[in-house]
């Protein structure tokens, strides 16, 4: 009996990201694996790291209006520390890990239009207000960008505004 091992191909070998498919909420993920990922995210929500807990508290204090960053959000096969689906922004707190796997995950998220903000855990613990300020600035920029794109679409298509 041979033992199967998981290997990650270097980014140079893979020139394009996989296309979205009908399975696994648009990603090529089996239902069983997707359920396991959601269970892991649920466990992570129950026991957050010190950096996640501090950043979560600071984000609540920031009063982001109608856009909220939810903790331990699942996008594809990635569990992100915080994410805002309407703005397609995600925040990841780095605690280490395989750089090749992280780069591949980031490339897949960028392919579907998710802006990923990455912060080291030590920086979140040392200067949480600066990290929150960067996140809020990115959210405002993304909101303005989406508004400009929407206005431009209405002007070119002649669609009625609501």
C-alpha atoms as a PDB file:
ATOM      1  CA  UNK A   1       0.000   0.000   0.000  1.00  0.00           C
ATOM      2  CA  UNK A   2       1.417   3.376  -0.988  1.00  0.00           C
ATOM      3  CA  UNK A   3       1.042   6.452   1.134  1.00  0.00           C
ATOM      4  CA  UNK A   4      -0.332   9.558  -0.543  1.00  0.00           C
ATOM      5  CA  UNK A   5       1.252  12.878   0.321  1.00  0.00           C
ATOM      6  CA  UNK A   6       0.049  16.370  -0.359  1.00  0.00           C
ATOM      7  CA  UNK A   7       2.425  18.538  -2.338  1.00  0.00           C
ATOM      8  CA  UNK A   8       2.065  22.123  -3.431  1.00  0.00           C
ATOM      9  CA  UNK A   9       3.305  22.985  -6.888  1.00  0.00           C
ATOM     10  CA  UNK A  10       5.424  26.124  -7.179  1.00  0.00           C
ATOM     11  CA  UNK A  11       3.671  29.214  -8.525  1.00  0.00           C
ATOM     12  CA  UNK A  12       5.920  29.183 -11.600  1.00  0.00           C
ATOM     13  CA  UNK A  13       4.403  25.886 -12.756  1.00  0.00           C
ATOM     14  CA  UNK A  14       0.864  27.177 -12.480  1.00  0.00           C
ATOM     15  CA  UNK A  15       0.181  30.138 -14.749  1.00  0.00           C
ATOM     16  CA  UNK A  16      -3.562  30.402 -14.347  1.00  0.00           C
ATOM     17  CA  UNK A  17      -5.965  30.027 -11.478  1.00  0.00           C
ATOM     18  CA  UNK A  18      -8.671  27.386 -11.600  1.00  0.00           C
ATOM     19  CA  UNK A  19     -12.001  28.469 -13.028  1.00  0.00           C
ATOM     20  CA  UNK A  20     -15.007  28.583 -10.734  1.00  0.00           C
ATOM     21  CA  UNK A  21     -17.192  25.508 -10.961  1.00  0.00           C
ATOM     22  CA  UNK A  22     -20.656  24.473  -9.837  1.00  0.00           C
ATOM     23  CA  UNK A  23     -19.466  22.398  -6.864  1.00  0.00           C
ATOM     24  CA  UNK A  24     -18.576  23.703  -3.424  1.00  0.00           C
ATOM     25  CA  UNK A  25     -20.202  27.127  -3.719  1.00  0.00           C
ATOM     26  CA  UNK A  26     -18.316  27.908  -6.906  1.00  0.00           C
ATOM     27  CA  UNK A  27     -14.999  26.308  -6.026  1.00  0.00           C
ATOM     28  CA  UNK A  28     -13.809  22.815  -6.930  1.00  0.00           C
ATOM     29  CA  UNK A  29     -14.270  21.513  -3.389  1.00  0.00           C
ATOM     30  CA  UNK A  30     -16.158  18.413  -2.365  1.00  0.00           C
ATOM     31  CA  UNK A  31     -19.068  18.832   0.026  1.00  0.00           C
ATOM     32  CA  UNK A  32     -17.320  16.667   2.616  1.00  0.00           C
ATOM     33  CA  UNK A  33     -14.173  18.833   2.550  1.00  0.00           C
ATOM     34  CA  UNK A  34     -16.240  22.028   2.603  1.00  0.00           C
ATOM     35  CA  UNK A  35     -18.097  20.790   5.699  1.00  0.00           C
ATOM     36  CA  UNK A  36     -14.747  20.017   7.375  1.00  0.00           C
ATOM     37  CA  UNK A  37     -13.478  23.524   6.548  1.00  0.00           C
ATOM     38  CA  UNK A  38     -16.606  25.121   8.026  1.00  0.00           C
ATOM     39  CA  UNK A  39     -16.259  22.972  11.164  1.00  0.00           C
ATOM     40  CA  UNK A  40     -12.642  24.107  11.536  1.00  0.00           C
ATOM     41  CA  UNK A  41     -13.709  27.758  11.124  1.00  0.00           C
ATOM     42  CA  UNK A  42     -16.346  27.256  13.823  1.00  0.00           C
ATOM     43  CA  UNK A  43     -13.710  25.820  16.184  1.00  0.00           C
ATOM     44  CA  UNK A  44     -11.385  28.741  15.391  1.00  0.00           C
ATOM     45  CA  UNK A  45     -14.173  31.207  16.257  1.00  0.00           C
ATOM     46  CA  UNK A  46     -14.629  29.581  19.656  1.00  0.00           C
ATOM     47  CA  UNK A  47     -10.929  29.759  20.534  1.00  0.00           C
ATOM     48  CA  UNK A  48      -9.370  32.838  18.861  1.00  0.00           C
ATOM     49  CA  UNK A  49      -5.680  33.632  19.083  1.00  0.00           C
ATOM     50  CA  UNK A  50      -4.703  36.685  21.163  1.00  0.00           C
ATOM     51  CA  UNK A  51      -4.097  38.714  17.967  1.00  0.00           C
ATOM     52  CA  UNK A  52      -7.488  37.719  16.516  1.00  0.00           C
ATOM     53  CA  UNK A  53      -9.271  38.552  19.754  1.00  0.00           C
ATOM     54  CA  UNK A  54      -7.613  41.980  20.068  1.00  0.00           C
ATOM     55  CA  UNK A  55      -8.208  42.888  16.417  1.00  0.00           C
ATOM     56  CA  UNK A  56     -11.835  41.760  16.669  1.00  0.00           C
ATOM     57  CA  UNK A  57     -12.388  44.006  19.683  1.00  0.00           C
ATOM     58  CA  UNK A  58     -10.727  46.967  17.953  1.00  0.00           C
ATOM     59  CA  UNK A  59     -12.819  46.442  14.794  1.00  0.00           C
ATOM     60  CA  UNK A  60     -16.017  46.504  16.883  1.00  0.00           C
ATOM     61  CA  UNK A  61     -14.871  49.782  18.458  1.00  0.00           C
ATOM     62  CA  UNK A  62     -14.151  51.217  14.972  1.00  0.00           C
ATOM     63  CA  UNK A  63     -17.895  51.309  14.161  1.00  0.00           C
ATOM     64  CA  UNK A  64     -17.661  50.411  10.470  1.00  0.00           C
ATOM     65  CA  UNK A  65     -21.282  51.279   9.681  1.00  0.00           C
ATOM     66  CA  UNK A  66     -23.208  48.891   7.499  1.00  0.00           C
ATOM     67  CA  UNK A  67     -20.088  46.965   6.437  1.00  0.00           C
ATOM     68  CA  UNK A  68     -18.954  44.413   8.982  1.00  0.00           C
ATOM     69  CA  UNK A  69     -15.897  42.201   9.079  1.00  0.00           C
ATOM     70  CA  UNK A  70     -16.966  38.733  10.168  1.00  0.00           C
ATOM     71  CA  UNK A  71     -14.457  36.502  11.905  1.00  0.00           C
ATOM     72  CA  UNK A  72     -13.238  33.152  10.593  1.00  0.00           C
ATOM     73  CA  UNK A  73     -14.911  33.550   7.208  1.00  0.00           C
ATOM     74  CA  UNK A  74     -14.621  30.698   4.689  1.00  0.00           C
ATOM     75  CA  UNK A  75     -13.891  31.717   1.106  1.00  0.00           C
ATOM     76  CA  UNK A  76     -13.183  28.756  -1.147  1.00  0.00           C
ATOM     77  CA  UNK A  77     -10.958  26.434   0.829  1.00  0.00           C
ATOM     78  CA  UNK A  78      -9.391  29.276   2.819  1.00  0.00           C
ATOM     79  CA  UNK A  79     -10.357  30.255   6.349  1.00  0.00           C
ATOM     80  CA  UNK A  80      -9.694  33.975   6.684  1.00  0.00           C
ATOM     81  CA  UNK A  81      -9.464  35.705  10.032  1.00  0.00           C
ATOM     82  CA  UNK A  82     -11.858  38.515   9.017  1.00  0.00           C
ATOM     83  CA  UNK A  83     -13.753  39.209   5.793  1.00  0.00           C
ATOM     84  CA  UNK A  84     -16.332  41.613   4.395  1.00  0.00           C
ATOM     85  CA  UNK A  85     -18.190  39.905   1.569  1.00  0.00           C
ATOM     86  CA  UNK A  86     -19.956  42.972   0.064  1.00  0.00           C
ATOM     87  CA  UNK A  87     -16.642  44.820  -0.326  1.00  0.00           C
ATOM     88  CA  UNK A  88     -14.651  41.668  -1.119  1.00  0.00           C
ATOM     89  CA  UNK A  89     -11.986  42.457   1.461  1.00  0.00           C
ATOM     90  CA  UNK A  90     -10.312  39.877   3.678  1.00  0.00           C
ATOM     91  CA  UNK A  91      -7.850  40.237   6.557  1.00  0.00           C
ATOM     92  CA  UNK A  92      -5.364  37.533   7.443  1.00  0.00           C
ATOM     93  CA  UNK A  93      -3.187  37.500  10.550  1.00  0.00           C
ATOM     94  CA  UNK A  94       0.061  35.663   9.851  1.00  0.00           C
ATOM     95  CA  UNK A  95       1.121  33.133  12.440  1.00  0.00           C
ATOM     96  CA  UNK A  96       3.546  31.370  10.083  1.00  0.00           C
ATOM     97  CA  UNK A  97       2.819  28.493   7.768  1.00  0.00           C
ATOM     98  CA  UNK A  98       3.965  27.151   4.408  1.00  0.00           C
ATOM     99  CA  UNK A  99       4.799  30.152   2.161  1.00  0.00           C
ATOM    100  CA  UNK A 100       4.000  28.215  -1.029  1.00  0.00           C
ATOM    101  CA  UNK A 101       0.564  27.270   0.273  1.00  0.00           C
ATOM    102  CA  UNK A 102      -0.111  30.848   1.420  1.00  0.00           C
ATOM    103  CA  UNK A 103       0.943  32.257  -1.970  1.00  0.00           C
ATOM    104  CA  UNK A 104      -1.309  29.806  -3.807  1.00  0.00           C
ATOM    105  CA  UNK A 105      -4.272  30.684  -1.561  1.00  0.00           C
ATOM    106  CA  UNK A 106      -3.657  34.394  -2.075  1.00  0.00           C
ATOM    107  CA  UNK A 107      -3.536  33.943  -5.848  1.00  0.00           C
ATOM    108  CA  UNK A 108      -6.859  32.069  -5.832  1.00  0.00           C
ATOM    109  CA  UNK A 109      -8.515  34.790  -3.728  1.00  0.00           C
ATOM    110  CA  UNK A 110      -7.188  37.572  -5.959  1.00  0.00           C
ATOM    111  CA  UNK A 111      -8.478  35.708  -9.034  1.00  0.00           C
ATOM    112  CA  UNK A 112     -12.053  36.093  -7.771  1.00  0.00           C
ATOM    113  CA  UNK A 113     -11.561  39.751  -6.817  1.00  0.00           C
ATOM    114  CA  UNK A 114     -10.902  39.494  -3.071  1.00  0.00           C
ATOM    115  CA  UNK A 115      -8.485  42.111  -1.720  1.00  0.00           C
ATOM    116  CA  UNK A 116      -6.380  40.381   0.925  1.00  0.00           C
ATOM    117  CA  UNK A 117      -4.765  42.429   3.687  1.00  0.00           C
ATOM    118  CA  UNK A 118      -2.084  40.502   5.557  1.00  0.00           C
ATOM    119  CA  UNK A 119      -0.664  41.530   8.946  1.00  0.00           C
ATOM    120  CA  UNK A 120       1.887  39.763  11.174  1.00  0.00           C
ATOM    121  CA  UNK A 121       0.455  38.721  14.539  1.00  0.00           C
ATOM    122  CA  UNK A 122       3.208  40.596  16.396  1.00  0.00           C
ATOM    123  CA  UNK A 123       2.250  43.859  14.680  1.00  0.00           C
ATOM    124  CA  UNK A 124      -1.421  43.386  15.525  1.00  0.00           C
ATOM    125  CA  UNK A 125      -0.525  42.927  19.196  1.00  0.00           C
ATOM    126  CA  UNK A 126       1.932  45.865  19.254  1.00  0.00           C
ATOM    127  CA  UNK A 127      -0.040  48.489  17.341  1.00  0.00           C
ATOM    128  CA  UNK A 128      -3.665  47.403  16.874  1.00  0.00           C
ATOM    129  CA  UNK A 129      -4.947  50.939  16.237  1.00  0.00           C
ATOM    130  CA  UNK A 130      -2.607  51.378  13.254  1.00  0.00           C
ATOM    131  CA  UNK A 131      -3.720  48.032  11.812  1.00  0.00           C
ATOM    132  CA  UNK A 132      -7.393  48.979  12.216  1.00  0.00           C
ATOM    133  CA  UNK A 133      -6.700  52.338  10.546  1.00  0.00           C
ATOM    134  CA  UNK A 134      -5.161  50.533   7.538  1.00  0.00           C
ATOM    135  CA  UNK A 135      -8.139  48.172   7.315  1.00  0.00           C
ATOM    136  CA  UNK A 136     -10.659  51.033   7.520  1.00  0.00           C
ATOM    137  CA  UNK A 137      -8.740  53.000   4.866  1.00  0.00           C
ATOM    138  CA  UNK A 138      -8.728  49.974   2.546  1.00  0.00           C
ATOM    139  CA  UNK A 139     -12.462  49.474   3.118  1.00  0.00           C
ATOM    140  CA  UNK A 140     -13.183  53.130   2.306  1.00  0.00           C
ATOM    141  CA  UNK A 141     -11.026  52.958  -0.821  1.00  0.00           C
ATOM    142  CA  UNK A 142     -12.783  49.774  -1.935  1.00  0.00           C
ATOM    143  CA  UNK A 143     -16.193  51.351  -1.288  1.00  0.00           C
ATOM    144  CA  UNK A 144     -15.255  54.422  -3.355  1.00  0.00           C
ATOM    145  CA  UNK A 145     -13.835  52.232  -6.123  1.00  0.00           C
ATOM    146  CA  UNK A 146     -17.030  50.194  -6.324  1.00  0.00           C
ATOM    147  CA  UNK A 147     -19.118  53.392  -6.371  1.00  0.00           C
ATOM    148  CA  UNK A 148     -17.098  54.810  -9.276  1.00  0.00           C
ATOM    149  CA  UNK A 149     -17.421  51.546 -11.194  1.00  0.00           C
ATOM    150  CA  UNK A 150     -21.184  51.519 -10.572  1.00  0.00           C
ATOM    151  CA  UNK A 151     -21.573  55.131 -11.766  1.00  0.00           C
ATOM    152  CA  UNK A 152     -19.482  54.436 -14.849  1.00  0.00           C
ATOM    153  CA  UNK A 153     -21.578  51.375 -15.645  1.00  0.00           C
ATOM    154  CA  UNK A 154     -24.787  53.392 -15.396  1.00  0.00           C
ATOM    155  CA  UNK A 155     -23.386  56.089 -17.660  1.00  0.00           C
ATOM    156  CA  UNK A 156     -22.242  53.662 -20.361  1.00  0.00           C
ATOM    157  CA  UNK A 157     -25.263  51.352 -20.192  1.00  0.00           C
ATOM    158  CA  UNK A 158     -27.891  54.014 -19.711  1.00  0.00           C
ATOM    159  CA  UNK A 159     -29.501  51.970 -16.955  1.00  0.00           C
ATOM    160  CA  UNK A 160     -31.903  53.857 -14.689  1.00  0.00           C
ATOM    161  CA  UNK A 161     -30.558  54.718 -11.246  1.00  0.00           C
ATOM    162  CA  UNK A 162     -32.442  53.630  -8.185  1.00  0.00           C
END
